[in-house]
Full PDB file with SEQRES, HELIX, SHEET, SSBOND, CRYST1, ORIGX, SCALE, CONECT and MASTER records, all heavy atoms in Angstrom:
SEQRES   1 A   31  ARG THR ASP PHE ALA ILE ILE ASN ASP PRO GLN ASN ILE          
SEQRES   2 A   31  PRO VAL SER GLY THR GLY PRO TYR THR TYR THR PHE TYR          
SEQRES   3 A   31  ILE LYS ASN ILE GLY                                          
SHEET    1 AA1 2 PHE A   4  ILE A   6  0                                        
SHEET    2 AA1 2 ILE A  27  ASN A  29 -1                                        
SHEET    1 AA2 2 VAL A  15  SER A  16  0                                        
SHEET    2 AA2 2 THR A  22  TYR A  23 -1                                        
CRYST1    1.000    1.000    1.000  90.00  90.00  90.00 P 1           1          
ORIGX1      1.000000  0.000000  0.000000        0.00000                         
ORIGX2      0.000000  1.000000  0.000000        0.00000                         
ORIGX3      0.000000  0.000000  1.000000        0.00000                         
SCALE1      1.000000  0.000000  0.000000        0.00000                         
SCALE2      0.000000  1.000000  0.000000        0.00000                         
SCALE3      0.000000  0.000000  1.000000        0.00000                         
ATOM      1  N   ARG A   1      75.375 -15.295 -76.149  1.00  0.00           N  
ATOM      2  CA  ARG A   1      76.698 -15.384 -75.537  1.00  0.00           C  
ATOM      3  C   ARG A   1      77.808 -14.965 -76.500  1.00  0.00           C  
ATOM      4  O   ARG A   1      78.948 -14.801 -76.101  1.00  0.00           O  
ATOM      5  CB  ARG A   1      76.959 -16.803 -75.049  1.00  0.00           C  
ATOM      6  CG  ARG A   1      76.194 -17.162 -73.790  1.00  0.00           C  
ATOM      7  CD  ARG A   1      76.679 -18.473 -73.214  1.00  0.00           C  
ATOM      8  NE  ARG A   1      76.360 -19.609 -74.053  1.00  0.00           N  
ATOM      9  CZ  ARG A   1      75.323 -20.413 -73.875  1.00  0.00           C  
ATOM     10  NH1 ARG A   1      74.506 -20.216 -72.874  1.00  0.00           N  
ATOM     11  NH2 ARG A   1      75.101 -21.423 -74.686  1.00  0.00           N  
ATOM     12  N   THR A   2      77.473 -14.813 -77.796  1.00  0.00           N  
ATOM     13  CA  THR A   2      78.457 -14.427 -78.802  1.00  0.00           C  
ATOM     14  C   THR A   2      78.272 -12.956 -79.132  1.00  0.00           C  
ATOM     15  O   THR A   2      77.204 -12.537 -79.551  1.00  0.00           O  
ATOM     16  CB  THR A   2      78.256 -15.263 -80.092  1.00  0.00           C  
ATOM     17  OG1 THR A   2      78.334 -16.640 -79.770  1.00  0.00           O  
ATOM     18  CG2 THR A   2      79.295 -14.909 -81.120  1.00  0.00           C  
ATOM     19  N   ASP A   3      79.318 -12.168 -78.923  1.00  0.00           N  
ATOM     20  CA  ASP A   3      79.245 -10.750 -79.244  1.00  0.00           C  
ATOM     21  C   ASP A   3      80.653 -10.230 -79.500  1.00  0.00           C  
ATOM     22  O   ASP A   3      81.622 -10.764 -78.963  1.00  0.00           O  
ATOM     23  CB  ASP A   3      78.585  -9.964 -78.108  1.00  0.00           C  
ATOM     24  CG  ASP A   3      78.004  -8.649 -78.577  1.00  0.00           C  
ATOM     25  OD1 ASP A   3      78.044  -8.349 -79.788  1.00  0.00           O  
ATOM     26  OD2 ASP A   3      77.501  -7.902 -77.724  1.00  0.00           O  
ATOM     27  N   PHE A   4      80.747  -9.207 -80.318  1.00  0.00           N  
ATOM     28  CA  PHE A   4      82.041  -8.612 -80.616  1.00  0.00           C  
ATOM     29  C   PHE A   4      81.849  -7.148 -80.954  1.00  0.00           C  
ATOM     30  O   PHE A   4      80.729  -6.692 -81.161  1.00  0.00           O  
ATOM     31  CB  PHE A   4      82.736  -9.345 -81.776  1.00  0.00           C  
ATOM     32  CG  PHE A   4      82.096  -9.116 -83.117  1.00  0.00           C  
ATOM     33  CD1 PHE A   4      82.646  -8.203 -84.015  1.00  0.00           C  
ATOM     34  CD2 PHE A   4      80.953  -9.787 -83.496  1.00  0.00           C  
ATOM     35  CE1 PHE A   4      82.064  -7.985 -85.252  1.00  0.00           C  
ATOM     36  CE2 PHE A   4      80.368  -9.575 -84.729  1.00  0.00           C  
ATOM     37  CZ  PHE A   4      80.920  -8.661 -85.617  1.00  0.00           C  
ATOM     38  N   ALA A   5      82.948  -6.422 -80.983  1.00  0.00           N  
ATOM     39  CA  ALA A   5      82.909  -4.997 -81.314  1.00  0.00           C  
ATOM     40  C   ALA A   5      84.092  -4.664 -82.205  1.00  0.00           C  
ATOM     41  O   ALA A   5      85.160  -5.270 -82.086  1.00  0.00           O  
ATOM     42  CB  ALA A   5      82.955  -4.158 -80.040  1.00  0.00           C  
ATOM     43  N   ILE A   6      83.881  -3.701 -83.095  1.00  0.00           N  
ATOM     44  CA  ILE A   6      84.976  -3.137 -83.879  1.00  0.00           C  
ATOM     45  C   ILE A   6      85.460  -1.934 -83.085  1.00  0.00           C  
ATOM     46  O   ILE A   6      84.702  -0.993 -82.869  1.00  0.00           O  
ATOM     47  CB  ILE A   6      84.489  -2.718 -85.284  1.00  0.00           C  
ATOM     48  CG1 ILE A   6      83.835  -3.897 -86.001  1.00  0.00           C  
ATOM     49  CG2 ILE A   6      85.647  -2.154 -86.104  1.00  0.00           C  
ATOM     50  CD1 ILE A   6      83.129  -3.521 -87.298  1.00  0.00           C  
ATOM     51  N   ILE A   7      86.707  -1.978 -82.628  1.00  0.00           N  
ATOM     52  CA  ILE A   7      87.161  -0.977 -81.658  1.00  0.00           C  
ATOM     53  C   ILE A   7      88.147   0.037 -82.241  1.00  0.00           C  
ATOM     54  O   ILE A   7      88.861   0.697 -81.490  1.00  0.00           O  
ATOM     55  CB  ILE A   7      87.748  -1.658 -80.402  1.00  0.00           C  
ATOM     56  CG1 ILE A   7      88.931  -2.551 -80.752  1.00  0.00           C  
ATOM     57  CG2 ILE A   7      86.669  -2.437 -79.673  1.00  0.00           C  
ATOM     58  CD1 ILE A   7      89.673  -3.088 -79.544  1.00  0.00           C  
ATOM     59  N   ASN A   8      88.166   0.204 -83.550  1.00  0.00           N  
ATOM     60  CA  ASN A   8      89.049   1.209 -84.165  1.00  0.00           C  
ATOM     61  C   ASN A   8      88.606   2.622 -83.822  1.00  0.00           C  
ATOM     62  O   ASN A   8      87.434   2.874 -83.551  1.00  0.00           O  
ATOM     63  CB  ASN A   8      89.014   1.082 -85.690  1.00  0.00           C  
ATOM     64  CG  ASN A   8      89.829  -0.060 -86.194  1.00  0.00           C  
ATOM     65  OD1 ASN A   8      89.461  -1.201 -85.966  1.00  0.00           O  
ATOM     66  ND2 ASN A   8      90.910   0.242 -86.881  1.00  0.00           N  
ATOM     67  N   ASP A   9      89.553   3.552 -83.902  1.00  0.00           N  
ATOM     68  CA  ASP A   9      89.250   4.972 -83.886  1.00  0.00           C  
ATOM     69  C   ASP A   9      88.756   5.305 -85.294  1.00  0.00           C  
ATOM     70  O   ASP A   9      89.514   5.180 -86.256  1.00  0.00           O  
ATOM     71  CB  ASP A   9      90.518   5.759 -83.546  1.00  0.00           C  
ATOM     72  CG  ASP A   9      90.329   7.260 -83.651  1.00  0.00           C  
ATOM     73  OD1 ASP A   9      89.202   7.717 -83.934  1.00  0.00           O  
ATOM     74  OD2 ASP A   9      91.326   7.983 -83.448  1.00  0.00           O  
ATOM     75  N   PRO A  10      87.501   5.694 -85.454  1.00  0.00           N  
ATOM     76  CA  PRO A  10      86.977   5.922 -86.804  1.00  0.00           C  
ATOM     77  C   PRO A  10      87.638   7.082 -87.549  1.00  0.00           C  
ATOM     78  O   PRO A  10      87.517   7.195 -88.757  1.00  0.00           O  
ATOM     79  CB  PRO A  10      85.492   6.196 -86.583  1.00  0.00           C  
ATOM     80  CG  PRO A  10      85.319   6.457 -85.148  1.00  0.00           C  
ATOM     81  CD  PRO A  10      86.496   5.894 -84.427  1.00  0.00           C  
ATOM     82  N   GLN A  11      88.367   7.914 -86.847  1.00  0.00           N  
ATOM     83  CA  GLN A  11      89.068   9.035 -87.485  1.00  0.00           C  
ATOM     84  C   GLN A  11      90.487   8.665 -87.897  1.00  0.00           C  
ATOM     85  O   GLN A  11      91.158   9.456 -88.565  1.00  0.00           O  
ATOM     86  CB  GLN A  11      89.134  10.233 -86.525  1.00  0.00           C  
ATOM     87  CG  GLN A  11      87.806  10.657 -85.949  1.00  0.00           C  
ATOM     88  CD  GLN A  11      86.840  11.188 -86.996  1.00  0.00           C  
ATOM     89  OE1 GLN A  11      87.252  11.840 -87.935  1.00  0.00           O  
ATOM     90  NE2 GLN A  11      85.569  10.857 -86.848  1.00  0.00           N  
ATOM     91  N   ASN A  12      90.964   7.488 -87.468  1.00  0.00           N  
ATOM     92  CA  ASN A  12      92.365   7.144 -87.690  1.00  0.00           C  
ATOM     93  C   ASN A  12      92.498   5.642 -87.943  1.00  0.00           C  
ATOM     94  O   ASN A  12      92.904   4.886 -87.064  1.00  0.00           O  
ATOM     95  CB  ASN A  12      93.192   7.574 -86.474  1.00  0.00           C  
ATOM     96  CG  ASN A  12      94.666   7.433 -86.709  1.00  0.00           C  
ATOM     97  OD1 ASN A  12      95.130   7.314 -87.835  1.00  0.00           O  
ATOM     98  ND2 ASN A  12      95.417   7.414 -85.617  1.00  0.00           N  
ATOM     99  N   ILE A  13      92.185   5.190 -89.139  1.00  0.00           N  
ATOM    100  CA  ILE A  13      92.291   3.778 -89.503  1.00  0.00           C  
ATOM    101  C   ILE A  13      93.726   3.518 -89.969  1.00  0.00           C  
ATOM    102  O   ILE A  13      94.202   4.173 -90.891  1.00  0.00           O  
ATOM    103  CB  ILE A  13      91.287   3.415 -90.617  1.00  0.00           C  
ATOM    104  CG1 ILE A  13      89.858   3.700 -90.165  1.00  0.00           C  
ATOM    105  CG2 ILE A  13      91.457   1.966 -91.057  1.00  0.00           C  
ATOM    106  CD1 ILE A  13      89.381   2.913 -88.979  1.00  0.00           C  
ATOM    107  N   PRO A  14      94.417   2.561 -89.338  1.00  0.00           N  
ATOM    108  CA  PRO A  14      95.787   2.263 -89.767  1.00  0.00           C  
ATOM    109  C   PRO A  14      95.819   1.728 -91.201  1.00  0.00           C  
ATOM    110  O   PRO A  14      95.045   0.840 -91.566  1.00  0.00           O  
ATOM    111  CB  PRO A  14      96.249   1.184 -88.788  1.00  0.00           C  
ATOM    112  CG  PRO A  14      95.337   1.291 -87.614  1.00  0.00           C  
ATOM    113  CD  PRO A  14      94.038   1.785 -88.157  1.00  0.00           C  
ATOM    114  N   VAL A  15      96.709   2.273 -92.013  1.00  0.00           N  
ATOM    115  CA  VAL A  15      96.879   1.825 -93.390  1.00  0.00           C  
ATOM    116  C   VAL A  15      98.367   1.738 -93.686  1.00  0.00           C  
ATOM    117  O   VAL A  15      99.160   2.556 -93.212  1.00  0.00           O  
ATOM    118  CB  VAL A  15      96.152   2.754 -94.396  1.00  0.00           C  
ATOM    119  CG1 VAL A  15      96.695   4.161 -94.335  1.00  0.00           C  
ATOM    120  CG2 VAL A  15      96.214   2.205 -95.804  1.00  0.00           C  
ATOM    121  N   SER A  16      98.742   0.715 -94.438  1.00  0.00           N  
ATOM    122  CA  SER A  16     100.140   0.571 -94.835  1.00  0.00           C  
ATOM    123  C   SER A  16     100.187   0.194 -96.310  1.00  0.00           C  
ATOM    124  O   SER A  16      99.218  -0.306 -96.869  1.00  0.00           O  
ATOM    125  CB  SER A  16     100.841  -0.495 -93.982  1.00  0.00           C  
ATOM    126  OG  SER A  16     100.225  -1.752 -94.174  1.00  0.00           O  
ATOM    127  N   GLY A  17     101.320   0.459 -96.922  1.00  0.00           N  
ATOM    128  CA  GLY A  17     101.519   0.124 -98.327  1.00  0.00           C  
ATOM    129  C   GLY A  17     101.177   1.274 -99.246  1.00  0.00           C  
ATOM    130  O   GLY A  17     100.493   2.220 -98.880  1.00  0.00           O  
ATOM    131  N   THR A  18     101.715   1.175-100.453  1.00  0.00           N  
ATOM    132  CA  THR A  18     101.453   2.191-101.477  1.00  0.00           C  
ATOM    133  C   THR A  18     100.804   1.547-102.692  1.00  0.00           C  
ATOM    134  O   THR A  18     100.803   2.101-103.770  1.00  0.00           O  
ATOM    135  CB  THR A  18     102.764   2.879-101.887  1.00  0.00           C  
ATOM    136  OG1 THR A  18     103.701   1.889-102.343  1.00  0.00           O  
ATOM    137  CG2 THR A  18     103.353   3.658-100.720  1.00  0.00           C  
ATOM    138  N   GLY A  19     100.267   0.411-102.556  1.00  0.00           N  
ATOM    139  CA  GLY A  19      99.596  -0.328-103.610  1.00  0.00           C  
ATOM    140  C   GLY A  19     100.232  -1.704-103.734  1.00  0.00           C  
ATOM    141  O   GLY A  19     101.326  -1.784-104.236  1.00  0.00           O  
ATOM    142  N   PRO A  20      99.608  -2.733-103.203  1.00  0.00           N  
ATOM    143  CA  PRO A  20      98.291  -2.704-102.565  1.00  0.00           C  
ATOM    144  C   PRO A  20      98.319  -2.025-101.183  1.00  0.00           C  
ATOM    145  O   PRO A  20      99.359  -1.897-100.568  1.00  0.00           O  
ATOM    146  CB  PRO A  20      97.921  -4.178-102.440  1.00  0.00           C  
ATOM    147  CG  PRO A  20      99.218  -4.906-102.425  1.00  0.00           C  
ATOM    148  CD  PRO A  20     100.178  -4.093-103.249  1.00  0.00           C  
ATOM    149  N   TYR A  21      97.136  -1.635-100.757  1.00  0.00           N  
ATOM    150  CA  TYR A  21      96.958  -0.940 -99.483  1.00  0.00           C  
ATOM    151  C   TYR A  21      96.356  -1.913 -98.476  1.00  0.00           C  
ATOM    152  O   TYR A  21      95.418  -2.641 -98.796  1.00  0.00           O  
ATOM    153  CB  TYR A  21      96.034   0.264 -99.651  1.00  0.00           C  
ATOM    154  CG  TYR A  21      96.601   1.292-100.596  1.00  0.00           C  
ATOM    155  CD1 TYR A  21      96.367   1.210-101.969  1.00  0.00           C  
ATOM    156  CD2 TYR A  21      97.384   2.338-100.125  1.00  0.00           C  
ATOM    157  CE1 TYR A  21      96.897   2.144-102.842  1.00  0.00           C  
ATOM    158  CE2 TYR A  21      97.918   3.268-100.993  1.00  0.00           C  
ATOM    159  CZ  TYR A  21      97.677   3.175-102.351  1.00  0.00           C  
ATOM    160  OH  TYR A  21      98.214   4.095-103.207  1.00  0.00           O  
ATOM    161  N   THR A  22      96.887  -1.910 -97.262  1.00  0.00           N  
ATOM    162  CA  THR A  22      96.385  -2.797 -96.215  1.00  0.00           C  
ATOM    163  C   THR A  22      95.823  -1.951 -95.076  1.00  0.00           C  
ATOM    164  O   THR A  22      96.542  -1.178 -94.452  1.00  0.00           O  
ATOM    165  CB  THR A  22      97.502  -3.721 -95.694  1.00  0.00           C  
ATOM    166  OG1 THR A  22      98.017  -4.486 -96.783  1.00  0.00           O  
ATOM    167  CG2 THR A  22      96.968  -4.663 -94.629  1.00  0.00           C  
ATOM    168  N   TYR A  23      94.527  -2.124 -94.829  1.00  0.00           N  
ATOM    169  CA  TYR A  23      93.825  -1.419 -93.756  1.00  0.00           C  
ATOM    170  C   TYR A  23      93.648  -2.382 -92.593  1.00  0.00           C  
ATOM    171  O   TYR A  23      93.300  -3.545 -92.784  1.00  0.00           O  
ATOM    172  CB  TYR A  23      92.462  -0.922 -94.241  1.00  0.00           C  
ATOM    173  CG  TYR A  23      92.579   0.083 -95.365  1.00  0.00           C  
ATOM    174  CD1 TYR A  23      92.613  -0.340 -96.697  1.00  0.00           C  
ATOM    175  CD2 TYR A  23      92.681   1.436 -95.099  1.00  0.00           C  
ATOM    176  CE1 TYR A  23      92.736   0.571 -97.729  1.00  0.00           C  
ATOM    177  CE2 TYR A  23      92.799   2.355 -96.125  1.00  0.00           C  
ATOM    178  CZ  TYR A  23      92.839   1.918 -97.435  1.00  0.00           C  
ATOM    179  OH  TYR A  23      92.966   2.834 -98.445  1.00  0.00           O  
ATOM    180  N   THR A  24      93.887  -1.902 -91.371  1.00  0.00           N  
ATOM    181  CA  THR A  24      93.809  -2.756 -90.186  1.00  0.00           C  
ATOM    182  C   THR A  24      92.608  -2.359 -89.332  1.00  0.00           C  
ATOM    183  O   THR A  24      92.449  -1.196 -88.966  1.00  0.00           O  
ATOM    184  CB  THR A  24      95.102  -2.646 -89.354  1.00  0.00           C  
ATOM    185  OG1 THR A  24      96.207  -3.019 -90.178  1.00  0.00           O  
ATOM    186  CG2 THR A  24      95.046  -3.565 -88.144  1.00  0.00           C  
ATOM    187  N   PHE A  25      91.781  -3.362 -89.020  1.00  0.00           N  
ATOM    188  CA  PHE A  25      90.608  -3.165 -88.164  1.00  0.00           C  
ATOM    189  C   PHE A  25      90.742  -4.085 -86.957  1.00  0.00           C  
ATOM    190  O   PHE A  25      91.091  -5.253 -87.086  1.00  0.00           O  
ATOM    191  CB  PHE A  25      89.320  -3.468 -88.939  1.00  0.00           C  
ATOM    192  CG  PHE A  25      89.105  -2.538 -90.091  1.00  0.00           C  
ATOM    193  CD1 PHE A  25      89.546  -2.875 -91.371  1.00  0.00           C  
ATOM    194  CD2 PHE A  25      88.504  -1.308 -89.906  1.00  0.00           C  
ATOM    195  CE1 PHE A  25      89.372  -2.011 -92.430  1.00  0.00           C  
ATOM    196  CE2 PHE A  25      88.321  -0.432 -90.962  1.00  0.00           C  
ATOM    197  CZ  PHE A  25      88.762  -0.783 -92.235  1.00  0.00           C  
ATOM    198  N   TYR A  26      90.467  -3.542 -85.773  1.00  0.00           N  
ATOM    199  CA  TYR A  26      90.603  -4.282 -84.523  1.00  0.00           C  
ATOM    200  C   TYR A  26      89.227  -4.786 -84.077  1.00  0.00           C  
ATOM    201  O   TYR A  26      88.270  -4.030 -84.002  1.00  0.00           O  
ATOM    202  CB  TYR A  26      91.220  -3.397 -83.439  1.00  0.00           C  
ATOM    203  CG  TYR A  26      92.625  -2.971 -83.790  1.00  0.00           C  
ATOM    204  CD1 TYR A  26      92.867  -1.725 -84.367  1.00  0.00           C  
ATOM    205  CD2 TYR A  26      93.697  -3.827 -83.573  1.00  0.00           C  
ATOM    206  CE1 TYR A  26      94.157  -1.346 -84.709  1.00  0.00           C  
ATOM    207  CE2 TYR A  26      94.989  -3.444 -83.909  1.00  0.00           C  
ATOM    208  CZ  TYR A  26      95.211  -2.208 -84.486  1.00  0.00           C  
ATOM    209  OH  TYR A  26      96.479  -1.833 -84.834  1.00  0.00           O  
ATOM    210  N   ILE A  27      89.188  -6.072 -83.764  1.00  0.00           N  
ATOM    211  CA  ILE A  27      87.951  -6.726 -83.335  1.00  0.00           C  
ATOM    212  C   ILE A  27      88.164  -7.251 -81.920  1.00  0.00           C  
ATOM    213  O   ILE A  27      89.162  -7.926 -81.644  1.00  0.00           O  
ATOM    214  CB  ILE A  27      87.607  -7.920 -84.269  1.00  0.00           C  
ATOM    215  CG1 ILE A  27      87.587  -7.490 -85.731  1.00  0.00           C  
ATOM    216  CG2 ILE A  27      86.304  -8.579 -83.839  1.00  0.00           C  
ATOM    217  CD1 ILE A  27      86.555  -6.453 -86.069  1.00  0.00           C  
ATOM    218  N   LYS A  28      87.226  -6.941 -81.016  1.00  0.00           N  
ATOM    219  CA  LYS A  28      87.299  -7.443 -79.640  1.00  0.00           C  
ATOM    220  C   LYS A  28      86.117  -8.367 -79.383  1.00  0.00           C  
ATOM    221  O   LYS A  28      84.971  -8.014 -79.655  1.00  0.00           O  
ATOM    222  CB  LYS A  28      87.296  -6.296 -78.626  1.00  0.00           C  
ATOM    223  CG  LYS A  28      87.439  -6.796 -77.204  1.00  0.00           C  
ATOM    224  CD  LYS A  28      87.616  -5.677 -76.209  1.00  0.00           C  
ATOM    225  CE  LYS A  28      87.848  -6.262 -74.826  1.00  0.00           C  
ATOM    226  NZ  LYS A  28      88.127  -5.230 -73.851  1.00  0.00           N  
ATOM    227  N   ASN A  29      86.420  -9.546 -78.870  1.00  0.00           N  
ATOM    228  CA  ASN A  29      85.378 -10.492 -78.471  1.00  0.00           C  
ATOM    229  C   ASN A  29      84.843 -10.041 -77.117  1.00  0.00           C  
ATOM    230  O   ASN A  29      85.524 -10.169 -76.106  1.00  0.00           O  
ATOM    231  CB  ASN A  29      85.947 -11.913 -78.397  1.00  0.00           C  
ATOM    232  CG  ASN A  29      84.904 -12.937 -78.014  1.00  0.00           C  
ATOM    233  OD1 ASN A  29      83.772 -12.607 -77.690  1.00  0.00           O  
ATOM    234  ND2 ASN A  29      85.292 -14.197 -78.040  1.00  0.00           N  
ATOM    235  N   ILE A  30      83.639  -9.478 -77.086  1.00  0.00           N  
ATOM    236  CA  ILE A  30      83.049  -9.020 -75.823  1.00  0.00           C  
ATOM    237  C   ILE A  30      81.981  -9.982 -75.323  1.00  0.00           C  
ATOM    238  O   ILE A  30      81.243  -9.684 -74.394  1.00  0.00           O  
ATOM    239  CB  ILE A  30      82.478  -7.590 -75.961  1.00  0.00           C  
ATOM    240  CG1 ILE A  30      81.440  -7.511 -77.072  1.00  0.00           C  
ATOM    241  CG2 ILE A  30      83.590  -6.593 -76.193  1.00  0.00           C  
ATOM    242  CD1 ILE A  30      80.726  -6.178 -77.167  1.00  0.00           C  
ATOM    243  N   GLY A  31      81.918 -11.174 -75.944  1.00  0.00           N  
ATOM    244  CA  GLY A  31      80.963 -12.189 -75.525  1.00  0.00           C  
ATOM    245  C   GLY A  31      81.580 -13.163 -74.535  1.00  0.00           C  
ATOM    246  O   GLY A  31      82.703 -12.984 -74.060  1.00  0.00           O  
TER     247      GLY A  31                                                      
MASTER        0    0    0    0    4    0    0    6  246    1    0    3          
END                                                                             
């Protein structure tokens, strides 16, 4: 009953900052 997916566009990962760098990954609960 527990399931999830990483739903980012693998060609376009959101990143912010110039050091440190923050990468954003989207997780969807599909369970």
